Amino acid sequence: MLNAFSDALSQYRHAILIGCDCPSLTVDDVHQALTALQDGQDAVIAPAEDGGYVLSALIASNLFCLKT
């Protein structure tokens, strides 16, 4: 996850990673995550029905939170 975010955030201000098996995730969920980042949120996490998460989103300045 760190490498994926690092690569994306070296080129873009925002990055969103989504799971490969997340049938409950909708296009609207992804749009809301991007809008939240554009509106100043530092990060977005969308919960999965099984207790994990299906979406993680960050702005470039918060990449450090994955390194600790």
PDB file of N, CA and C in Angstrom:
ATOM      1  N   MET A   1       0.825  -1.177   0.000  1.00  0.00           N
ATOM      2  CA  MET A   1       0.000   0.000   0.000  1.00  0.00           C
ATOM      3  C   MET A   1       0.876   1.250   0.000  1.00  0.00           C
ATOM      4  N   LEU A   2       1.939   1.226   0.778  1.00  0.00           N
ATOM      5  CA  LEU A   2       2.845   2.371   0.825  1.00  0.00           C
ATOM      6  C   LEU A   2       3.418   2.665  -0.560  1.00  0.00           C
ATOM      7  N   ASN A   3       3.850   1.623  -1.269  1.00  0.00           N
ATOM      8  CA  ASN A   3       4.423   1.833  -2.600  1.00  0.00           C
ATOM      9  C   ASN A   3       3.390   2.375  -3.581  1.00  0.00           C
ATOM     10  N   ALA A   4       2.191   1.856  -3.524  1.00  0.00           N
ATOM     11  CA  ALA A   4       1.140   2.330  -4.425  1.00  0.00           C
ATOM     12  C   ALA A   4       0.822   3.799  -4.170  1.00  0.00           C
ATOM     13  N   PHE A   5       0.659   4.162  -2.906  1.00  0.00           N
ATOM     14  CA  PHE A   5       0.402   5.567  -2.582  1.00  0.00           C
ATOM     15  C   PHE A   5       1.608   6.436  -2.954  1.00  0.00           C
ATOM     16  N   SER A   6       2.814   5.968  -2.680  1.00  0.00           N
ATOM     17  CA  SER A   6       4.014   6.744  -3.010  1.00  0.00           C
ATOM     18  C   SER A   6       4.092   7.027  -4.501  1.00  0.00           C
ATOM     19  N   ASP A   7       3.867   6.019  -5.307  1.00  0.00           N
ATOM     20  CA  ASP A   7       3.906   6.200  -6.760  1.00  0.00           C
ATOM     21  C   ASP A   7       2.840   7.192  -7.222  1.00  0.00           C
ATOM     22  N   ALA A   8       1.615   6.995  -6.755  1.00  0.00           N
ATOM     23  CA  ALA A   8       0.519   7.863  -7.188  1.00  0.00           C
ATOM     24  C   ALA A   8       0.712   9.303  -6.712  1.00  0.00           C
ATOM     25  N   LEU A   9       1.119   9.449  -5.456  1.00  0.00           N
ATOM     26  CA  LEU A   9       1.240  10.793  -4.894  1.00  0.00           C
ATOM     27  C   LEU A   9       2.492  11.526  -5.359  1.00  0.00           C
ATOM     28  N   SER A  10       3.392  10.840  -6.045  1.00  0.00           N
ATOM     29  CA  SER A  10       4.534  11.532  -6.650  1.00  0.00           C
ATOM     30  C   SER A  10       4.099  12.261  -7.923  1.00  0.00           C
ATOM     31  N   GLN A  11       2.914  11.919  -8.430  1.00  0.00           N
ATOM     32  CA  GLN A  11       2.415  12.532  -9.662  1.00  0.00           C
ATOM     33  C   GLN A  11       1.124  13.324  -9.484  1.00  0.00           C
ATOM     34  N   TYR A  12       0.366  13.010  -8.431  1.00  0.00           N
ATOM     35  CA  TYR A  12      -0.941  13.622  -8.231  1.00  0.00           C
ATOM     36  C   TYR A  12      -1.078  14.132  -6.802  1.00  0.00           C
ATOM     37  N   ARG A  13      -1.982  15.081  -6.594  1.00  0.00           N
ATOM     38  CA  ARG A  13      -2.212  15.632  -5.247  1.00  0.00           C
ATOM     39  C   ARG A  13      -3.000  14.690  -4.353  1.00  0.00           C
ATOM     40  N   HIS A  14      -3.833  13.844  -4.951  1.00  0.00           N
ATOM     41  CA  HIS A  14      -4.691  12.925  -4.209  1.00  0.00           C
ATOM     42  C   HIS A  14      -4.531  11.524  -4.781  1.00  0.00           C
ATOM     43  N   ALA A  15      -4.739  10.518  -3.947  1.00  0.00           N
ATOM     44  CA  ALA A  15      -4.722   9.138  -4.427  1.00  0.00           C
ATOM     45  C   ALA A  15      -5.779   8.336  -3.688  1.00  0.00           C
ATOM     46  N   ILE A  16      -6.423   7.444  -4.421  1.00  0.00           N
ATOM     47  CA  ILE A  16      -7.445   6.572  -3.850  1.00  0.00           C
ATOM     48  C   ILE A  16      -7.091   5.131  -4.214  1.00  0.00           C
ATOM     49  N   LEU A  17      -7.019   4.284  -3.216  1.00  0.00           N
ATOM     50  CA  LEU A  17      -6.820   2.850  -3.430  1.00  0.00           C
ATOM     51  C   LEU A  17      -8.109   2.140  -3.056  1.00  0.00           C
ATOM     52  N   ILE A  18      -8.525   1.226  -3.921  1.00  0.00           N
ATOM     53  CA  ILE A  18      -9.732   0.454  -3.619  1.00  0.00           C
ATOM     54  C   ILE A  18      -9.392  -1.029  -3.641  1.00  0.00           C
ATOM     55  N   GLY A  19     -10.137  -1.789  -2.891  1.00  0.00           N
ATOM     56  CA  GLY A  19      -9.938  -3.227  -2.835  1.00  0.00           C
ATOM     57  C   GLY A  19     -10.398  -3.898  -4.122  1.00  0.00           C
ATOM     58  N   CYS A  20      -9.930  -5.109  -4.345  1.00  0.00           N
ATOM     59  CA  CYS A  20     -10.286  -5.819  -5.573  1.00  0.00           C
ATOM     60  C   CYS A  20     -11.585  -6.610  -5.423  1.00  0.00           C
ATOM     61  N   ASP A  21     -12.035  -6.821  -4.204  1.00  0.00           N
ATOM     62  CA  ASP A  21     -13.269  -7.568  -3.977  1.00  0.00           C
ATOM     63  C   ASP A  21     -14.149  -6.773  -3.020  1.00  0.00           C
ATOM     64  N   CYS A  22     -14.811  -5.781  -3.573  1.00  0.00           N
ATOM     65  CA  CYS A  22     -15.625  -4.909  -2.714  1.00  0.00           C
ATOM     66  C   CYS A  22     -16.947  -4.576  -3.422  1.00  0.00           C
ATOM     67  N   PRO A  23     -17.856  -5.548  -3.458  1.00  0.00           N
ATOM     68  CA  PRO A  23     -19.112  -5.342  -4.181  1.00  0.00           C
ATOM     69  C   PRO A  23     -19.983  -4.222  -3.610  1.00  0.00           C
ATOM     70  N   SER A  24     -19.763  -3.849  -2.372  1.00  0.00           N
ATOM     71  CA  SER A  24     -20.594  -2.796  -1.786  1.00  0.00           C
ATOM     72  C   SER A  24     -20.113  -1.389  -2.162  1.00  0.00           C
ATOM     73  N   LEU A  25     -18.914  -1.275  -2.711  1.00  0.00           N
ATOM     74  CA  LEU A  25     -18.366   0.024  -3.088  1.00  0.00           C
ATOM     75  C   LEU A  25     -19.028   0.511  -4.377  1.00  0.00           C
ATOM     76  N   THR A  26     -19.482   1.758  -4.359  1.00  0.00           N
ATOM     77  CA  THR A  26     -20.155   2.320  -5.532  1.00  0.00           C
ATOM     78  C   THR A  26     -19.327   3.450  -6.134  1.00  0.00           C
ATOM     79  N   VAL A  27     -19.688   3.833  -7.325  1.00  0.00           N
ATOM     80  CA  VAL A  27     -19.049   4.978  -7.977  1.00  0.00           C
ATOM     81  C   VAL A  27     -19.245   6.219  -7.117  1.00  0.00           C
ATOM     82  N   ASP A  28     -20.414   6.341  -6.512  1.00  0.00           N
ATOM     83  CA  ASP A  28     -20.690   7.483  -5.644  1.00  0.00           C
ATOM     84  C   ASP A  28     -19.750   7.503  -4.440  1.00  0.00           C
ATOM     85  N   ASP A  29     -19.421   6.347  -3.890  1.00  0.00           N
ATOM     86  CA  ASP A  29     -18.472   6.272  -2.772  1.00  0.00           C
ATOM     87  C   ASP A  29     -17.109   6.836  -3.173  1.00  0.00           C
ATOM     88  N   VAL A  30     -16.649   6.456  -4.359  1.00  0.00           N
ATOM     89  CA  VAL A  30     -15.354   6.944  -4.844  1.00  0.00           C
ATOM     90  C   VAL A  30     -15.429   8.448  -5.087  1.00  0.00           C
ATOM     91  N   HIS A  31     -16.509   8.907  -5.667  1.00  0.00           N
ATOM     92  CA  HIS A  31     -16.689  10.337  -5.903  1.00  0.00           C
ATOM     93  C   HIS A  31     -16.709  11.111  -4.586  1.00  0.00           C
ATOM     94  N   GLN A  32     -17.394  10.592  -3.598  1.00  0.00           N
ATOM     95  CA  GLN A  32     -17.443  11.259  -2.284  1.00  0.00           C
ATOM     96  C   GLN A  32     -16.061  11.313  -1.647  1.00  0.00           C
ATOM     97  N   ALA A  33     -15.265  10.266  -1.802  1.00  0.00           N
ATOM     98  CA  ALA A  33     -13.904  10.263  -1.251  1.00  0.00           C
ATOM     99  C   ALA A  33     -13.052  11.334  -1.923  1.00  0.00           C
ATOM    100  N   LEU A  34     -13.110  11.415  -3.241  1.00  0.00           N
ATOM    101  CA  LEU A  34     -12.345  12.431  -3.962  1.00  0.00           C
ATOM    102  C   LEU A  34     -12.805  13.834  -3.590  1.00  0.00           C
ATOM    103  N   THR A  35     -14.096  14.022  -3.493  1.00  0.00           N
ATOM    104  CA  THR A  35     -14.634  15.329  -3.103  1.00  0.00           C
ATOM    105  C   THR A  35     -14.162  15.710  -1.702  1.00  0.00           C
ATOM    106  N   ALA A  36     -14.152  14.751  -0.784  1.00  0.00           N
ATOM    107  CA  ALA A  36     -13.692  15.031   0.581  1.00  0.00           C
ATOM    108  C   ALA A  36     -12.232  15.474   0.581  1.00  0.00           C
ATOM    109  N   LEU A  37     -11.389  14.814  -0.218  1.00  0.00           N
ATOM    110  CA  LEU A  37      -9.982  15.211  -0.303  1.00  0.00           C
ATOM    111  C   LEU A  37      -9.850  16.602  -0.909  1.00  0.00           C
ATOM    112  N   GLN A  38     -10.610  16.869  -1.952  1.00  0.00           N
ATOM    113  CA  GLN A  38     -10.561  18.183  -2.595  1.00  0.00           C
ATOM    114  C   GLN A  38     -11.071  19.283  -1.675  1.00  0.00           C
ATOM    115  N   ASP A  39     -11.958  18.933  -0.762  1.00  0.00           N
ATOM    116  CA  ASP A  39     -12.511  19.897   0.198  1.00  0.00           C
ATOM    117  C   ASP A  39     -11.647  20.074   1.441  1.00  0.00           C
ATOM    118  N   GLY A  40     -10.488  19.399   1.486  1.00  0.00           N
ATOM    119  CA  GLY A  40      -9.565  19.626   2.586  1.00  0.00           C
ATOM    120  C   GLY A  40      -9.379  18.498   3.580  1.00  0.00           C
ATOM    121  N   GLN A  41     -10.117  17.403   3.428  1.00  0.00           N
ATOM    122  CA  GLN A  41      -9.888  16.258   4.315  1.00  0.00           C
ATOM    123  C   GLN A  41      -8.508  15.684   4.031  1.00  0.00           C
ATOM    124  N   ASP A  42      -7.817  15.235   5.056  1.00  0.00           N
ATOM    125  CA  ASP A  42      -6.481  14.673   4.900  1.00  0.00           C
ATOM    126  C   ASP A  42      -6.504  13.225   4.424  1.00  0.00           C
ATOM    127  N   ALA A  43      -7.529  12.493   4.828  1.00  0.00           N
ATOM    128  CA  ALA A  43      -7.625  11.077   4.489  1.00  0.00           C
ATOM    129  C   ALA A  43      -9.083  10.640   4.539  1.00  0.00           C
ATOM    130  N   VAL A  44      -9.373   9.565   3.818  1.00  0.00           N
ATOM    131  CA  VAL A  44     -10.712   8.979   3.815  1.00  0.00           C
ATOM    132  C   VAL A  44     -10.542   7.464   3.861  1.00  0.00           C
ATOM    133  N   ILE A  45     -11.324   6.809   4.703  1.00  0.00           N
ATOM    134  CA  ILE A  45     -11.342   5.347   4.767  1.00  0.00           C
ATOM    135  C   ILE A  45     -12.800   4.915   4.730  1.00  0.00           C
ATOM    136  N   ALA A  46     -13.125   4.013   3.806  1.00  0.00           N
ATOM    137  CA  ALA A  46     -14.490   3.494   3.707  1.00  0.00           C
ATOM    138  C   ALA A  46     -14.520   2.087   4.285  1.00  0.00           C
ATOM    139  N   PRO A  47     -15.382   1.855   5.251  1.00  0.00           N
ATOM    140  CA  PRO A  47     -15.428   0.543   5.901  1.00  0.00           C
ATOM    141  C   PRO A  47     -16.057  -0.533   5.020  1.00  0.00           C
ATOM    142  N   ALA A  48     -15.580  -1.750   5.195  1.00  0.00           N
ATOM    143  CA  ALA A  48     -16.180  -2.913   4.525  1.00  0.00           C
ATOM    144  C   ALA A  48     -17.212  -3.536   5.454  1.00  0.00           C
ATOM    145  N   GLU A  49     -18.099  -4.285   4.870  1.00  0.00           N
ATOM    146  CA  GLU A  49     -19.134  -4.945   5.672  1.00  0.00           C
ATOM    147  C   GLU A  49     -18.554  -5.981   6.624  1.00  0.00           C
ATOM    148  N   ASP A  50     -17.358  -6.509   6.315  1.00  0.00           N
ATOM    149  CA  ASP A  50     -16.750  -7.545   7.156  1.00  0.00           C
ATOM    150  C   ASP A  50     -15.837  -6.986   8.249  1.00  0.00           C
ATOM    151  N   GLY A  51     -15.779  -5.667   8.363  1.00  0.00           N
ATOM    152  CA  GLY A  51     -14.970  -5.057   9.407  1.00  0.00           C
ATOM    153  C   GLY A  51     -13.661  -4.472   8.926  1.00  0.00           C
ATOM    154  N   GLY A  52     -13.264  -4.748   7.709  1.00  0.00           N
ATOM    155  CA  GLY A  52     -12.047  -4.169   7.148  1.00  0.00           C
ATOM    156  C   GLY A  52     -12.359  -2.838   6.477  1.00  0.00           C
ATOM    157  N   TYR A  53     -11.683  -2.582   5.384  1.00  0.00           N
ATOM    158  CA  TYR A  53     -11.967  -1.372   4.620  1.00  0.00           C
ATOM    159  C   TYR A  53     -11.875  -1.670   3.138  1.00  0.00           C
ATOM    160  N   VAL A  54     -12.619  -0.913   2.340  1.00  0.00           N
ATOM    161  CA  VAL A  54     -12.645  -1.130   0.894  1.00  0.00           C
ATOM    162  C   VAL A  54     -12.006   0.006   0.123  1.00  0.00           C
ATOM    163  N   LEU A  55     -11.764   1.126   0.769  1.00  0.00           N
ATOM    164  CA  LEU A  55     -11.207   2.294   0.109  1.00  0.00           C
ATOM    165  C   LEU A  55     -10.345   3.063   1.091  1.00  0.00           C
ATOM    166  N   SER A  56      -9.171   3.477   0.623  1.00  0.00           N
ATOM    167  CA  SER A  56      -8.290   4.354   1.392  1.00  0.00           C
ATOM    168  C   SER A  56      -7.896   5.487   0.468  1.00  0.00           C
ATOM    169  N   ALA A  57      -7.932   6.692   0.966  1.00  0.00           N
ATOM    170  CA  ALA A  57      -7.579   7.852   0.155  1.00  0.00           C
ATOM    171  C   ALA A  57      -6.735   8.805   0.988  1.00  0.00           C
ATOM    172  N   LEU A  58      -5.735   9.406   0.352  1.00  0.00           N
ATOM    173  CA  LEU A  58      -4.826  10.326   1.041  1.00  0.00           C
ATOM    174  C   LEU A  58      -4.488  11.516   0.167  1.00  0.00           C
ATOM    175  N   ILE A  59      -4.092  12.600   0.831  1.00  0.00           N
ATOM    176  CA  ILE A  59      -3.448  13.696   0.124  1.00  0.00           C
ATOM    177  C   ILE A  59      -1.942  13.506   0.286  1.00  0.00           C
ATOM    178  N   ALA A  60      -1.180  14.112  -0.601  1.00  0.00           N
ATOM    179  CA  ALA A  60       0.269  13.880  -0.645  1.00  0.00           C
ATOM    180  C   ALA A  60       0.966  14.162   0.683  1.00  0.00           C
ATOM    181  N   SER A  61       0.560  15.189   1.393  1.00  0.00           N
ATOM    182  CA  SER A  61       1.261  15.558   2.621  1.00  0.00           C
ATOM    183  C   SER A  61       1.048  14.559   3.756  1.00  0.00           C
ATOM    184  N   ASN A  62       0.153  13.599   3.600  1.00  0.00           N
ATOM    185  CA  ASN A  62      -0.104  12.623   4.663  1.00  0.00           C
ATOM    186  C   ASN A  62       0.467  11.240   4.384  1.00  0.00           C
ATOM    187  N   LEU A  63       1.336  11.132   3.417  1.00  0.00           N
ATOM    188  CA  LEU A  63       1.954   9.850   3.110  1.00  0.00           C
ATOM    189  C   LEU A  63       2.742   9.294   4.300  1.00  0.00           C
ATOM    190  N   PHE A  64       3.234  10.175   5.141  1.00  0.00           N
ATOM    191  CA  PHE A  64       4.020   9.752   6.310  1.00  0.00           C
ATOM    192  C   PHE A  64       3.247   8.813   7.226  1.00  0.00           C
ATOM    193  N   CYS A  65       1.925   8.896   7.261  1.00  0.00           N
ATOM    194  CA  CYS A  65       1.153   8.076   8.193  1.00  0.00           C
ATOM    195  C   CYS A  65       1.241   6.596   7.858  1.00  0.00           C
ATOM    196  N   LEU A  66       1.632   6.231   6.646  1.00  0.00           N
ATOM    197  CA  LEU A  66       1.792   4.834   6.296  1.00  0.00           C
ATOM    198  C   LEU A  66       3.185   4.311   6.614  1.00  0.00           C
ATOM    199  N   LYS A  67       4.092   5.198   6.923  1.00  0.00           N
ATOM    200  CA  LYS A  67       5.483   4.797   7.159  1.00  0.00           C
ATOM    201  C   LYS A  67       5.752   4.440   8.605  1.00  0.00           C
ATOM    202  N   THR A  68       4.822   4.743   9.501  1.00  0.00           N
ATOM    203  CA  THR A  68       5.043   4.461  10.919  1.00  0.00           C
ATOM    204  C   THR A  68       4.297   3.233  11.359  1.00  0.00           C
TER     205      THR A  68
END
